[in-house]
N, C-alpha and C. Protein backbone atom coordinates (compact mmCIF):
# COMPACT_ATOMS: atom_id res chain seq x y z
N MET A 1 139.18 -29.75 -114.26
CA MET A 1 139.66 -31.20 -114.46
C MET A 1 138.55 -31.94 -115.21
N SER A 2 138.62 -32.01 -116.67
CA SER A 2 137.63 -32.97 -117.18
C SER A 2 137.28 -34.53 -117.40
N PHE A 3 136.28 -34.82 -116.94
CA PHE A 3 136.23 -36.20 -116.92
C PHE A 3 134.72 -37.12 -117.12
N GLU A 4 134.91 -38.40 -118.29
CA GLU A 4 133.81 -38.77 -118.89
C GLU A 4 134.00 -40.21 -117.89
N SER A 5 132.97 -40.92 -117.83
CA SER A 5 132.64 -41.95 -117.22
C SER A 5 131.43 -42.89 -118.40
N VAL A 6 132.13 -43.75 -118.88
CA VAL A 6 131.33 -44.94 -119.81
C VAL A 6 130.73 -46.14 -119.06
N ALA A 7 129.60 -46.86 -119.10
CA ALA A 7 129.36 -47.80 -118.73
C ALA A 7 129.53 -48.57 -119.43
N ILE A 8 130.51 -49.89 -119.72
CA ILE A 8 130.66 -51.00 -120.55
C ILE A 8 129.59 -52.02 -120.67
N SER A 9 128.24 -52.43 -121.45
CA SER A 9 127.84 -53.38 -121.28
C SER A 9 127.45 -53.80 -122.73
N GLU A 10 128.30 -53.13 -124.09
CA GLU A 10 127.71 -53.74 -124.99
C GLU A 10 129.01 -53.11 -126.07
N THR A 11 128.94 -53.84 -126.88
CA THR A 11 130.27 -53.31 -128.17
C THR A 11 130.34 -52.15 -128.32
N ALA A 12 128.78 -51.19 -128.49
CA ALA A 12 129.00 -50.10 -128.51
C ALA A 12 129.47 -48.96 -128.07
N ASP A 13 129.54 -49.88 -126.14
CA ASP A 13 130.29 -49.06 -125.29
C ASP A 13 131.46 -48.46 -125.30
N ILE A 14 132.37 -49.66 -125.99
CA ILE A 14 133.51 -50.13 -126.36
C ILE A 14 134.04 -48.35 -127.48
N VAL A 15 133.12 -48.10 -128.11
CA VAL A 15 133.08 -47.07 -129.39
C VAL A 15 133.12 -45.81 -128.54
N ARG A 16 132.28 -46.03 -127.58
CA ARG A 16 131.95 -44.40 -127.26
C ARG A 16 132.94 -44.04 -125.89
N ALA A 17 133.65 -45.05 -125.43
CA ALA A 17 134.44 -44.81 -124.41
C ALA A 17 135.85 -44.39 -125.21
N ARG A 18 135.72 -45.17 -126.77
CA ARG A 18 137.08 -44.68 -127.18
C ARG A 18 137.27 -43.21 -127.56
N GLY A 19 135.88 -42.66 -128.15
CA GLY A 19 135.59 -41.45 -128.60
C GLY A 19 135.88 -40.49 -127.53
N ALA A 20 135.11 -41.10 -126.28
CA ALA A 20 135.35 -40.14 -125.33
C ALA A 20 136.72 -40.00 -124.82
N ALA A 21 137.55 -41.26 -124.93
CA ALA A 21 138.99 -41.00 -124.29
C ALA A 21 139.78 -40.09 -125.80
N ARG A 22 139.47 -39.83 -126.83
CA ARG A 22 140.03 -39.02 -128.00
C ARG A 22 139.83 -37.68 -127.73
N THR A 23 138.43 -37.72 -127.64
CA THR A 23 138.26 -35.91 -126.84
C THR A 23 138.61 -35.57 -126.25
N LEU A 24 138.47 -35.99 -125.06
CA LEU A 24 139.54 -35.64 -123.80
C LEU A 24 141.34 -35.17 -124.03
N ALA A 25 141.35 -36.06 -124.87
CA ALA A 25 142.75 -36.35 -125.38
C ALA A 25 143.63 -34.76 -126.33
N ALA A 26 142.27 -34.90 -127.23
CA ALA A 26 142.56 -34.03 -127.77
C ALA A 26 142.60 -32.28 -127.57
N GLN A 27 141.36 -32.02 -126.68
CA GLN A 27 140.86 -31.14 -125.88
C GLN A 27 142.32 -30.74 -124.64
N ALA A 28 143.30 -31.57 -124.09
CA ALA A 28 143.76 -31.68 -123.49
C ALA A 28 145.52 -31.24 -124.19
N GLY A 29 145.53 -31.26 -125.72
CA GLY A 29 146.16 -30.82 -126.40
C GLY A 29 147.25 -31.82 -127.02
N PHE A 30 146.78 -32.97 -126.93
CA PHE A 30 147.75 -34.09 -126.99
C PHE A 30 147.88 -33.92 -128.65
N ASN A 31 148.66 -34.52 -129.15
CA ASN A 31 148.64 -34.86 -130.54
C ASN A 31 148.13 -36.13 -131.67
N LEU A 32 148.19 -36.09 -132.46
CA LEU A 32 146.62 -37.23 -132.56
C LEU A 32 147.47 -38.45 -132.78
N ALA A 33 149.11 -38.89 -132.79
CA ALA A 33 149.70 -39.96 -132.70
C ALA A 33 148.88 -40.39 -130.88
N ASP A 34 149.57 -39.78 -129.75
CA ASP A 34 148.70 -39.56 -128.61
C ASP A 34 147.23 -39.76 -128.35
N GLN A 35 146.71 -39.38 -129.64
CA GLN A 35 145.06 -39.36 -128.78
C GLN A 35 144.77 -40.53 -129.64
N THR A 36 145.38 -41.54 -130.48
CA THR A 36 145.42 -42.75 -130.79
C THR A 36 145.56 -43.82 -129.66
N ARG A 37 146.95 -43.45 -129.43
CA ARG A 37 147.50 -44.61 -128.62
C ARG A 37 146.28 -44.63 -127.49
N LEU A 38 146.05 -43.38 -126.84
CA LEU A 38 145.11 -43.63 -125.80
C LEU A 38 143.96 -44.42 -126.19
N ALA A 39 142.76 -44.16 -127.41
CA ALA A 39 142.09 -44.72 -127.97
C ALA A 39 141.58 -45.79 -127.90
N THR A 40 143.36 -46.50 -128.41
CA THR A 40 143.61 -47.64 -129.04
C THR A 40 143.80 -48.71 -127.32
N ALA A 41 144.45 -47.59 -126.17
CA ALA A 41 144.38 -48.38 -124.99
C ALA A 41 143.06 -48.98 -124.43
N VAL A 42 142.36 -47.66 -124.51
CA VAL A 42 140.57 -47.31 -123.96
C VAL A 42 139.70 -48.77 -124.05
N SER A 43 140.14 -48.83 -125.67
CA SER A 43 139.15 -49.91 -127.16
C SER A 43 139.73 -51.66 -125.90
N GLU A 44 141.42 -51.54 -125.70
CA GLU A 44 141.32 -52.90 -125.66
C GLU A 44 141.49 -53.31 -124.28
N LEU A 45 141.13 -52.26 -123.06
CA LEU A 45 140.70 -52.71 -121.95
C LEU A 45 139.36 -52.82 -121.87
N SER A 46 138.65 -51.63 -122.54
CA SER A 46 136.88 -51.60 -122.42
C SER A 46 136.69 -53.13 -122.74
N ARG A 47 137.17 -53.86 -123.81
CA ARG A 47 136.88 -54.86 -124.88
C ARG A 47 137.54 -56.42 -123.87
N ASN A 48 137.98 -55.77 -122.86
CA ASN A 48 138.89 -56.87 -122.00
C ASN A 48 137.44 -57.02 -121.32
N ALA A 49 136.96 -56.05 -120.57
CA ALA A 49 135.88 -55.76 -119.26
C ALA A 49 134.64 -56.32 -119.90
N LEU A 50 134.19 -55.90 -121.01
CA LEU A 50 133.50 -56.44 -121.96
C LEU A 50 133.29 -58.30 -121.62
N ASN A 51 134.03 -58.65 -122.27
CA ASN A 51 134.23 -60.07 -123.00
C ASN A 51 134.82 -61.30 -121.62
N TYR A 52 135.40 -60.38 -120.85
CA TYR A 52 135.74 -61.65 -119.75
C TYR A 52 134.90 -61.07 -118.24
N ALA A 53 134.54 -59.94 -118.28
CA ALA A 53 133.70 -59.70 -116.93
C ALA A 53 131.93 -59.43 -117.45
N GLY A 54 131.85 -59.25 -118.53
CA GLY A 54 130.45 -58.85 -118.90
C GLY A 54 130.22 -57.71 -118.64
N GLY A 55 130.77 -56.88 -118.18
CA GLY A 55 130.69 -55.46 -118.54
C GLY A 55 131.90 -54.90 -117.49
N GLY A 56 131.70 -53.11 -117.38
CA GLY A 56 132.67 -52.39 -116.33
C GLY A 56 131.90 -51.44 -116.40
N VAL A 57 133.44 -50.36 -116.30
CA VAL A 57 132.86 -49.05 -116.73
C VAL A 57 134.50 -48.37 -116.41
N CYS A 58 134.36 -47.28 -118.04
CA CYS A 58 135.36 -46.90 -118.58
C CYS A 58 135.64 -44.99 -117.09
N GLN A 59 136.48 -44.78 -116.58
CA GLN A 59 136.57 -43.70 -116.57
C GLN A 59 137.77 -42.69 -116.99
N ILE A 60 137.68 -41.78 -117.48
CA ILE A 60 139.13 -40.83 -118.87
C ILE A 60 138.91 -39.63 -117.83
N THR A 61 139.81 -39.24 -117.38
CA THR A 61 139.90 -37.69 -116.56
C THR A 61 141.18 -36.97 -116.94
N ASP A 62 140.87 -36.05 -117.29
CA ASP A 62 142.17 -34.99 -117.38
C ASP A 62 142.98 -34.56 -116.38
N HIS A 63 143.77 -35.03 -116.08
CA HIS A 63 145.00 -34.44 -115.05
C HIS A 63 146.44 -33.68 -114.91
N SER A 64 145.73 -32.66 -116.29
CA SER A 64 146.71 -32.06 -116.52
C SER A 64 147.08 -31.12 -115.93
N CYS A 65 148.23 -30.32 -115.86
CA CYS A 65 148.71 -29.04 -114.49
C CYS A 65 149.39 -28.68 -115.80
N ASP A 66 150.34 -27.63 -114.83
CA ASP A 66 150.90 -26.74 -115.80
C ASP A 66 152.57 -27.07 -116.53
N ARG A 67 152.81 -28.31 -115.82
CA ARG A 67 153.91 -28.76 -116.07
C ARG A 67 153.82 -29.93 -116.99
N HIS A 68 152.23 -30.71 -117.42
CA HIS A 68 152.08 -31.99 -117.83
C HIS A 68 150.95 -32.60 -118.93
N ARG A 69 150.89 -32.87 -119.69
CA ARG A 69 149.32 -33.14 -120.11
C ARG A 69 149.36 -34.54 -119.46
N ARG A 70 148.16 -34.51 -119.08
CA ARG A 70 148.33 -35.86 -118.79
C ARG A 70 146.32 -36.58 -118.34
N ILE A 71 146.27 -37.72 -118.79
CA ILE A 71 145.23 -38.19 -119.34
C ILE A 71 145.30 -39.42 -118.43
N ARG A 72 144.01 -39.81 -117.44
CA ARG A 72 144.18 -41.24 -116.52
C ARG A 72 143.21 -41.95 -116.99
N VAL A 73 143.28 -42.70 -117.27
CA VAL A 73 142.10 -44.28 -117.72
C VAL A 73 141.97 -44.94 -116.63
N VAL A 74 140.75 -45.04 -115.67
CA VAL A 74 140.75 -46.19 -115.06
C VAL A 74 139.39 -47.43 -115.67
N VAL A 75 139.76 -48.76 -115.98
CA VAL A 75 138.52 -49.10 -116.29
C VAL A 75 138.25 -50.38 -115.17
N GLU A 76 137.22 -50.64 -114.81
CA GLU A 76 137.15 -51.28 -113.54
C GLU A 76 135.42 -52.32 -113.72
N ASP A 77 135.85 -54.02 -113.58
CA ASP A 77 134.54 -54.61 -113.66
C ASP A 77 134.79 -55.52 -112.25
N HIS A 78 133.52 -56.20 -112.59
CA HIS A 78 133.19 -57.06 -111.07
C HIS A 78 133.14 -58.70 -111.98
N GLY A 79 134.17 -59.18 -112.54
CA GLY A 79 133.99 -60.22 -113.05
C GLY A 79 135.00 -61.21 -111.98
N PRO A 80 135.45 -62.38 -112.65
CA PRO A 80 136.16 -63.37 -112.11
C PRO A 80 137.72 -62.99 -111.73
N GLY A 81 137.91 -61.81 -111.98
CA GLY A 81 139.14 -61.66 -112.07
C GLY A 81 140.60 -62.29 -112.79
N ILE A 82 141.58 -61.95 -112.77
CA ILE A 82 142.90 -62.73 -113.77
C ILE A 82 143.49 -63.11 -112.74
N PRO A 83 143.46 -64.63 -112.89
CA PRO A 83 144.26 -65.28 -111.94
C PRO A 83 146.34 -65.35 -111.70
N ASP A 84 146.14 -64.54 -113.04
CA ASP A 84 148.05 -64.52 -112.91
C ASP A 84 148.32 -63.16 -113.41
N ILE A 85 148.68 -61.78 -113.19
CA ILE A 85 148.75 -60.81 -113.85
C ILE A 85 149.76 -60.84 -114.61
N THR A 86 150.74 -61.34 -113.93
CA THR A 86 152.12 -61.49 -114.71
C THR A 86 151.86 -62.24 -115.77
N ARG A 87 151.84 -63.39 -116.51
CA ARG A 87 151.40 -64.24 -117.81
C ARG A 87 150.35 -62.99 -118.42
N ALA A 88 149.63 -62.20 -118.13
CA ALA A 88 148.69 -61.89 -118.34
C ALA A 88 149.07 -60.83 -119.06
N THR A 89 149.96 -60.21 -118.56
CA THR A 89 150.46 -59.06 -119.37
C THR A 89 151.63 -59.99 -119.94
N GLU A 90 152.14 -60.26 -120.55
CA GLU A 90 153.06 -61.25 -121.32
C GLU A 90 152.47 -61.28 -123.06
N ASP A 91 153.31 -60.99 -123.87
CA ASP A 91 152.88 -61.19 -125.29
C ASP A 91 152.33 -62.79 -125.21
N GLY A 92 151.41 -62.89 -126.13
CA GLY A 92 151.19 -64.29 -126.84
C GLY A 92 150.40 -65.11 -125.52
N TYR A 93 150.12 -64.31 -124.34
CA TYR A 93 149.34 -65.11 -123.24
C TYR A 93 147.75 -64.79 -123.61
N SER A 94 147.17 -65.70 -123.73
CA SER A 94 145.56 -65.22 -123.70
C SER A 94 144.74 -66.61 -122.89
N THR A 95 144.21 -66.16 -122.51
CA THR A 95 142.61 -67.33 -121.77
C THR A 95 141.35 -67.18 -122.46
N GLY A 96 141.24 -66.92 -124.04
CA GLY A 96 140.38 -66.07 -124.45
C GLY A 96 140.25 -66.55 -125.61
N GLY A 97 141.44 -67.16 -126.18
CA GLY A 97 141.86 -67.49 -127.87
C GLY A 97 141.98 -66.53 -128.19
N GLY A 98 142.77 -65.38 -128.10
CA GLY A 98 142.91 -64.00 -128.85
C GLY A 98 144.53 -64.32 -128.69
N LEU A 99 144.85 -63.10 -129.68
CA LEU A 99 146.02 -63.40 -129.85
C LEU A 99 147.23 -63.27 -128.61
N GLY A 100 146.29 -62.00 -127.40
CA GLY A 100 147.07 -62.41 -126.26
C GLY A 100 148.61 -60.91 -126.43
N ALA A 101 147.71 -60.08 -127.20
CA ALA A 101 148.45 -58.98 -127.49
C ALA A 101 148.07 -57.45 -126.55
N GLY A 102 146.60 -57.64 -126.08
CA GLY A 102 145.64 -56.74 -125.03
C GLY A 102 146.58 -56.18 -124.21
N LEU A 103 146.45 -56.70 -123.21
CA LEU A 103 147.50 -55.98 -122.07
C LEU A 103 148.84 -56.08 -122.01
N PRO A 104 149.68 -56.49 -122.72
CA PRO A 104 151.13 -55.77 -122.64
C PRO A 104 150.92 -55.05 -123.96
N GLY A 105 150.00 -54.80 -125.40
CA GLY A 105 150.23 -54.09 -125.71
C GLY A 105 149.52 -52.26 -125.52
N THR A 106 148.77 -52.44 -124.57
CA THR A 106 148.40 -51.67 -124.30
C THR A 106 149.46 -50.29 -122.86
N LYS A 107 150.12 -51.72 -121.88
CA LYS A 107 151.27 -51.80 -121.58
C LYS A 107 152.40 -50.93 -122.35
N ARG A 108 153.09 -51.26 -123.34
CA ARG A 108 153.79 -50.78 -124.03
C ARG A 108 153.13 -49.16 -124.60
N LEU A 109 151.92 -49.63 -125.03
CA LEU A 109 151.31 -47.72 -125.33
C LEU A 109 151.72 -46.58 -124.35
N MET A 110 151.58 -47.44 -122.79
CA MET A 110 150.54 -45.81 -122.10
C MET A 110 152.46 -45.44 -121.08
N ASP A 111 152.72 -44.71 -120.65
CA ASP A 111 153.48 -44.09 -119.69
C ASP A 111 152.96 -44.51 -117.97
N VAL A 112 152.18 -45.44 -117.76
CA VAL A 112 151.51 -45.66 -116.39
C VAL A 112 150.90 -46.92 -116.88
N PHE A 113 151.15 -48.04 -116.40
CA PHE A 113 150.13 -49.20 -116.14
C PHE A 113 150.33 -49.99 -114.54
N GLU A 114 148.73 -49.77 -114.32
CA GLU A 114 149.04 -50.64 -113.13
C GLU A 114 147.53 -51.95 -113.03
N ILE A 115 147.40 -52.63 -112.68
CA ILE A 115 146.68 -53.79 -112.70
C ILE A 115 146.48 -54.52 -111.63
N GLU A 116 145.17 -53.82 -110.73
CA GLU A 116 144.89 -55.43 -109.55
C GLU A 116 143.95 -55.98 -110.00
N SER A 117 143.22 -56.92 -109.55
CA SER A 117 142.56 -58.37 -109.69
C SER A 117 142.58 -58.97 -108.05
N ARG A 118 140.99 -59.51 -108.15
CA ARG A 118 141.35 -60.67 -107.39
C ARG A 118 139.82 -61.20 -108.19
N PRO A 119 139.48 -62.13 -107.57
CA PRO A 119 137.61 -62.43 -108.08
C PRO A 119 136.72 -61.25 -107.54
N GLY A 120 136.11 -60.92 -108.44
CA GLY A 120 134.72 -59.90 -108.74
C GLY A 120 135.25 -58.62 -108.19
N HIS A 121 136.50 -58.22 -108.62
CA HIS A 121 136.99 -57.07 -108.88
C HIS A 121 138.16 -56.91 -109.08
N THR A 122 138.43 -56.24 -110.92
CA THR A 122 139.96 -55.95 -111.37
C THR A 122 139.65 -54.72 -112.10
N ARG A 123 140.86 -53.98 -111.58
CA ARG A 123 140.73 -52.64 -111.69
C ARG A 123 142.10 -52.05 -112.40
N VAL A 124 142.43 -51.52 -113.94
CA VAL A 124 143.09 -50.87 -114.80
C VAL A 124 143.30 -49.60 -114.45
N GLN A 125 144.48 -49.03 -114.44
CA GLN A 125 144.54 -47.82 -114.76
C GLN A 125 146.07 -47.20 -115.46
N VAL A 126 145.54 -47.08 -116.61
CA VAL A 126 146.86 -46.53 -117.40
C VAL A 126 146.82 -44.74 -117.72
N GLU A 127 147.96 -44.17 -117.24
CA GLU A 127 148.30 -42.66 -118.01
C GLU A 127 148.83 -42.61 -118.97
N LEU A 128 148.23 -41.75 -119.85
CA LEU A 128 149.41 -40.76 -120.62
C LEU A 128 149.97 -39.40 -120.44
N VAL A 129 151.40 -39.60 -120.40
CA VAL A 129 151.56 -37.95 -119.76
C VAL A 129 152.92 -37.80 -120.67
N ARG A 130 152.58 -36.25 -121.07
CA ARG A 130 153.68 -35.60 -121.88
C ARG A 130 153.85 -34.36 -121.44
N PRO A 131 155.21 -33.67 -121.54
CA PRO A 131 155.35 -32.49 -120.82
C PRO A 131 154.71 -31.81 -121.62
N LYS A 132 154.34 -30.31 -121.14
CA LYS A 132 153.36 -28.95 -122.05
C LYS A 132 154.18 -28.46 -122.76
């Protein structure tokens, strides 16, 4: 099982997390389109942690097995939390003046999307899963 952890404290860390995700996905045998999907999701989630919580950590793990290629990404932060997860995952909703496409877009790109949030802790887990 391959694992990468990237602390997110500045913009350059988003690029590092994105690159780590792409590398692990390539090593696991995901095609270029899926590598790009994963890298985009990691970029969005890491950027949210930086912009809304001042930083966090992005953990990327290859959970592939005999039957499936599976990359799991967990992004955690200790920011103010997301007051309304349902609204935050709807297209067009933004508390930061953006387009409101980050979380809903990430949800569409990934096969698994789970989010839990309260003041002081937000955890988003996504997975990309393909048969071997």
